[in-house]
C-alpha atoms as a PDB file:
ATOM      1  CA  MET A   1       0.506  -6.575  -3.526  1.00  0.00           C
ATOM      2  CA  ARG A   2      -1.821  -6.003  -0.637  1.00  0.00           C
ATOM      3  CA  ALA A   3      -2.346  -2.978   1.601  1.00  0.00           C
ATOM      4  CA  VAL A   4      -4.390  -2.016   4.599  1.00  0.00           C
ATOM      5  CA  VAL A   5      -4.928   1.741   4.393  1.00  0.00           C
ATOM      6  CA  GLN A   6      -6.073   3.672   7.444  1.00  0.00           C
ATOM      7  CA  ARG A   7      -7.037   7.328   7.500  1.00  0.00           C
ATOM      8  CA  VAL A   8      -5.231   8.753  10.500  1.00  0.00           C
ATOM      9  CA  ALA A   9      -5.077  11.927  12.541  1.00  0.00           C
ATOM     10  CA  GLU A  10      -1.485  10.918  13.355  1.00  0.00           C
ATOM     11  CA  ALA A  11       0.832   7.925  13.169  1.00  0.00           C
ATOM     12  CA  CYS A  12       4.312   7.060  14.382  1.00  0.00           C
ATOM     13  CA  VAL A  13       6.667   4.119  13.843  1.00  0.00           C
ATOM     14  CA  THR A  14       9.483   3.315  16.253  1.00  0.00           C
ATOM     15  CA  VAL A  15      12.310   0.799  16.095  1.00  0.00           C
ATOM     16  CA  ASN A  16      14.231   0.127  19.323  1.00  0.00           C
ATOM     17  CA  GLY A  17      12.680   3.226  20.896  1.00  0.00           C
ATOM     18  CA  ARG A  18      13.750   5.482  17.985  1.00  0.00           C
ATOM     19  CA  ALA A  19      11.098   7.100  15.770  1.00  0.00           C
ATOM     20  CA  THR A  20      11.734   6.214  12.119  1.00  0.00           C
ATOM     21  CA  GLY A  21       8.701   8.108  10.878  1.00  0.00           C
ATOM     22  CA  ARG A  22       5.926  10.347  12.125  1.00  0.00           C
ATOM     23  CA  ILE A  23       2.986  11.964  10.323  1.00  0.00           C
ATOM     24  CA  GLY A  24      -0.028  14.057  11.194  1.00  0.00           C
ATOM     25  CA  LYS A  25      -3.210  13.931   9.128  1.00  0.00           C
ATOM     26  CA  GLY A  26      -2.960  11.430   6.309  1.00  0.00           C
ATOM     27  CA  LEU A  27      -2.810   7.732   5.520  1.00  0.00           C
ATOM     28  CA  LEU A  28      -1.055   4.839   7.203  1.00  0.00           C
ATOM     29  CA  VAL A  29      -0.344   2.188   4.576  1.00  0.00           C
ATOM     30  CA  LEU A  30       0.589  -1.295   5.787  1.00  0.00           C
ATOM     31  CA  LEU A  31       2.061  -2.906   2.665  1.00  0.00           C
ATOM     32  CA  GLY A  32       2.584  -6.595   1.883  1.00  0.00           C
ATOM     33  CA  VAL A  33       4.440  -7.766  -1.215  1.00  0.00           C
ATOM     34  CA  GLU A  34       3.578 -11.126  -2.755  1.00  0.00           C
ATOM     35  CA  GLU A  35       5.664 -13.489  -4.909  1.00  0.00           C
ATOM     36  CA  GLY A  36       4.970 -12.570  -8.527  1.00  0.00           C
ATOM     37  CA  ASP A  37       4.424  -8.880  -7.812  1.00  0.00           C
ATOM     38  CA  ALA A  38       6.106  -6.557 -10.304  1.00  0.00           C
ATOM     39  CA  ASP A  39       6.263  -2.943 -11.465  1.00  0.00           C
ATOM     40  CA  THR A  40       2.629  -3.116 -12.633  1.00  0.00           C
ATOM     41  CA  ASP A  41       1.583  -3.790  -9.028  1.00  0.00           C
ATOM     42  CA  VAL A  42       3.722  -0.872  -7.859  1.00  0.00           C
ATOM     43  CA  SER A  43       2.032   1.459 -10.357  1.00  0.00           C
ATOM     44  CA  LEU A  44      -1.447   0.262  -9.405  1.00  0.00           C
ATOM     45  CA  MET A  45      -0.723   0.678  -5.694  1.00  0.00           C
ATOM     46  CA  VAL A  46       0.767   4.161  -6.109  1.00  0.00           C
ATOM     47  CA  ASP A  47      -2.179   5.277  -8.258  1.00  0.00           C
ATOM     48  CA  LYS A  48      -4.766   3.851  -5.886  1.00  0.00           C
ATOM     49  CA  VAL A  49      -3.222   5.149  -2.637  1.00  0.00           C
ATOM     50  CA  SER A  50      -2.417   8.636  -3.928  1.00  0.00           C
ATOM     51  CA  GLY A  51      -5.857   9.100  -5.487  1.00  0.00           C
ATOM     52  CA  LEU A  52      -7.999   7.266  -2.940  1.00  0.00           C
ATOM     53  CA  ARG A  53     -10.912   9.530  -2.072  1.00  0.00           C
ATOM     54  CA  CYS A  54     -11.356   8.730   1.610  1.00  0.00           C
ATOM     55  CA  PHE A  55     -11.330  12.235   3.092  1.00  0.00           C
ATOM     56  CA  PRO A  56     -14.559  14.180   3.476  1.00  0.00           C
ATOM     57  CA  ASP A  57     -15.553  17.228   1.485  1.00  0.00           C
ATOM     58  CA  GLU A  58     -17.623  20.084   2.930  1.00  0.00           C
ATOM     59  CA  ASN A  59     -20.710  17.827   2.801  1.00  0.00           C
ATOM     60  CA  GLY A  60     -19.053  14.944   4.627  1.00  0.00           C
ATOM     61  CA  LYS A  61     -18.779  12.784   1.469  1.00  0.00           C
ATOM     62  CA  PHE A  62     -15.622  10.824   0.658  1.00  0.00           C
ATOM     63  CA  ASN A  63     -14.548  13.068  -2.223  1.00  0.00           C
ATOM     64  CA  ARG A  64     -11.004  14.161  -1.373  1.00  0.00           C
ATOM     65  CA  SER A  65      -7.685  12.362  -1.676  1.00  0.00           C
ATOM     66  CA  VAL A  66      -4.696  12.664   0.636  1.00  0.00           C
ATOM     67  CA  MET A  67      -3.130  14.932  -1.978  1.00  0.00           C
ATOM     68  CA  GLU A  68      -6.162  17.249  -1.999  1.00  0.00           C
ATOM     69  CA  VAL A  69      -6.216  17.642   1.791  1.00  0.00           C
ATOM     70  CA  GLY A  70      -2.455  18.204   2.090  1.00  0.00           C
ATOM     71  CA  GLY A  71      -1.959  15.041   4.103  1.00  0.00           C
ATOM     72  CA  SER A  72       1.062  12.807   4.496  1.00  0.00           C
ATOM     73  CA  ILE A  73       1.573   9.075   4.097  1.00  0.00           C
ATOM     74  CA  MET A  74       3.301   6.564   6.349  1.00  0.00           C
ATOM     75  CA  VAL A  75       4.250   3.332   4.528  1.00  0.00           C
ATOM     76  CA  VAL A  76       5.129   0.322   6.669  1.00  0.00           C
ATOM     77  CA  SER A  77       6.225  -3.009   5.212  1.00  0.00           C
ATOM     78  CA  GLN A  78       4.112  -5.854   6.607  1.00  0.00           C
ATOM     79  CA  PHE A  79       4.578  -9.320   5.109  1.00  0.00           C
ATOM     80  CA  THR A  80       1.990 -10.750   7.517  1.00  0.00           C
ATOM     81  CA  LEU A  81      -0.732  -9.290   5.299  1.00  0.00           C
ATOM     82  CA  LEU A  82      -0.018 -12.282   3.048  1.00  0.00           C
ATOM     83  CA  GLY A  83      -0.630 -14.746   5.886  1.00  0.00           C
ATOM     84  CA  ASP A  84      -2.997 -17.566   4.926  1.00  0.00           C
ATOM     85  CA  CYS A  85      -5.054 -18.654   7.941  1.00  0.00           C
ATOM     86  CA  ARG A  86      -7.384 -21.094   6.199  1.00  0.00           C
ATOM     87  CA  LYS A  87      -5.701 -24.237   7.528  1.00  0.00           C
ATOM     88  CA  GLY A  88      -4.647 -24.949  11.073  1.00  0.00           C
ATOM     89  CA  LYS A  89      -3.845 -22.370  13.724  1.00  0.00           C
ATOM     90  CA  ARG A  90      -0.545 -21.035  12.381  1.00  0.00           C
ATOM     91  CA  PRO A  91      -0.603 -18.671   9.386  1.00  0.00           C
ATOM     92  CA  SER A  92       1.314 -19.703   6.292  1.00  0.00           C
ATOM     93  CA  PHE A  93       3.429 -17.078   4.566  1.00  0.00           C
ATOM     94  CA  THR A  94       4.374 -19.097   1.497  1.00  0.00           C
ATOM     95  CA  THR A  95       2.964 -16.468  -0.895  1.00  0.00           C
ATOM     96  CA  ALA A  96       4.901 -13.574   0.671  1.00  0.00           C
ATOM     97  CA  ALA A  97       7.770 -12.328  -1.482  1.00  0.00           C
ATOM     98  CA  ARG A  98      11.342 -13.037  -0.450  1.00  0.00           C
ATOM     99  CA  PRO A  99      12.909 -10.070   1.379  1.00  0.00           C
ATOM    100  CA  GLU A 100      15.051  -8.922  -1.562  1.00  0.00           C
ATOM    101  CA  LEU A 101      12.049  -8.582  -3.915  1.00  0.00           C
ATOM    102  CA  ALA A 102       9.733  -7.295  -1.191  1.00  0.00           C
ATOM    103  CA  ASN A 103      12.125  -4.529  -0.149  1.00  0.00           C
ATOM    104  CA  ALA A 104      12.794  -3.469  -3.742  1.00  0.00           C
ATOM    105  CA  LEU A 105       9.065  -3.162  -4.547  1.00  0.00           C
ATOM    106  CA  TYR A 106       8.310  -1.540  -1.177  1.00  0.00           C
ATOM    107  CA  GLN A 107      10.971   1.102  -1.935  1.00  0.00           C
ATOM    108  CA  ARG A 108       9.468   1.659  -5.405  1.00  0.00           C
ATOM    109  CA  VAL A 109       6.033   2.293  -3.896  1.00  0.00           C
ATOM    110  CA  VAL A 110       7.559   4.829  -1.483  1.00  0.00           C
ATOM    111  CA  ALA A 111       9.467   6.503  -4.334  1.00  0.00           C
ATOM    112  CA  GLY A 112       6.352   6.556  -6.542  1.00  0.00           C
ATOM    113  CA  LEU A 113       4.316   8.299  -3.845  1.00  0.00           C
ATOM    114  CA  ARG A 114       7.098  10.834  -3.312  1.00  0.00           C
ATOM    115  CA  GLU A 115       7.248  11.468  -7.060  1.00  0.00           C
ATOM    116  CA  ARG A 116       3.590  12.522  -6.811  1.00  0.00           C
ATOM    117  CA  GLY A 117       4.679  15.276  -4.438  1.00  0.00           C
ATOM    118  CA  LEU A 118       3.476  13.553  -1.274  1.00  0.00           C
ATOM    119  CA  ALA A 119       5.311  13.748   2.045  1.00  0.00           C
ATOM    120  CA  VAL A 120       6.084  10.093   2.822  1.00  0.00           C
ATOM    121  CA  GLU A 121       7.533   8.621   5.995  1.00  0.00           C
ATOM    122  CA  THR A 122       8.426   4.964   6.485  1.00  0.00           C
ATOM    123  CA  GLY A 123       9.119   2.260   8.952  1.00  0.00           C
ATOM    124  CA  GLU A 124      12.291   0.177   8.706  1.00  0.00           C
ATOM    125  CA  PHE A 125      12.073  -2.804   6.373  1.00  0.00           C
ATOM    126  CA  GLY A 126      12.553  -6.120   8.161  1.00  0.00           C
ATOM    127  CA  ALA A 127      12.757  -4.595  11.642  1.00  0.00           C
ATOM    128  CA  HIS A 128      10.487  -5.258  14.595  1.00  0.00           C
ATOM    129  CA  MET A 129       8.445  -2.063  14.648  1.00  0.00           C
ATOM    130  CA  ARG A 130       5.937  -0.471  16.963  1.00  0.00           C
ATOM    131  CA  VAL A 131       3.243   1.361  15.045  1.00  0.00           C
ATOM    132  CA  SER A 132       1.007   3.779  16.885  1.00  0.00           C
ATOM    133  CA  LEU A 133      -1.857   5.598  15.270  1.00  0.00           C
ATOM    134  CA  VAL A 134      -5.019   7.521  15.840  1.00  0.00           C
ATOM    135  CA  ASN A 135      -7.482   6.173  13.277  1.00  0.00           C
ATOM    136  CA  ASP A 136      -9.687   8.979  11.981  1.00  0.00           C
ATOM    137  CA  GLY A 137     -13.256   7.876  11.422  1.00  0.00           C
ATOM    138  CA  PRO A 138     -12.403   5.058  11.814  1.00  0.00           C
ATOM    139  CA  VAL A 139     -11.640   4.561   8.136  1.00  0.00           C
ATOM    140  CA  THR A 140      -9.837   1.350   7.149  1.00  0.00           C
ATOM    141  CA  LEU A 141      -9.694   0.118   3.545  1.00  0.00           C
ATOM    142  CA  LEU A 142      -8.142  -2.865   1.778  1.00  0.00           C
ATOM    143  CA  ILE A 143      -6.331  -2.712  -1.551  1.00  0.00           C
ATOM    144  CA  ASP A 144      -5.169  -5.814  -3.388  1.00  0.00           C
ATOM    145  CA  THR A 145      -3.622  -5.311  -6.815  1.00  0.00           C
ATOM    146  CA  LYS A 146      -4.576  -8.850  -7.803  1.00  0.00           C
ATOM    147  CA  ARG A 147      -8.233  -8.646  -6.770  1.00  0.00           C
ATOM    148  CA  ASN A 148      -9.386  -5.027  -7.003  1.00  0.00           C
ATOM    149  CA  PHE A 149      -8.615  -4.333 -10.646  1.00  0.00           C
END
């Protein structure tokens, strides 16, 4: 499971001109699910995202999590994070999970974050989405449950 996490001042996702989710201060999580991902990857991702200390304390150090600053999270499914661009000009998505597995694990990540007491908004799985955001910092971090642990 792979995620691009951006600290945002605000973020919004729309599908066909309709907002499916909107947050203020918090994290935008673009989430890609890979073949072979399982509940252990869900747990690792939920733990890492909810506890990620990427918000500044009173001294400007990254010492506070989204939970500690009262922020929200926007989770958007993005299979293109699994795109392999090493060969040719067209990315290969052969390692991306099939939609049924990807959606199930995506929903478990969302549920796991909500179980931690976080306000979580989402995009719409499988839809063409427009994601707008104001990156705060900018702060952009990568999490990969297969490589970071």
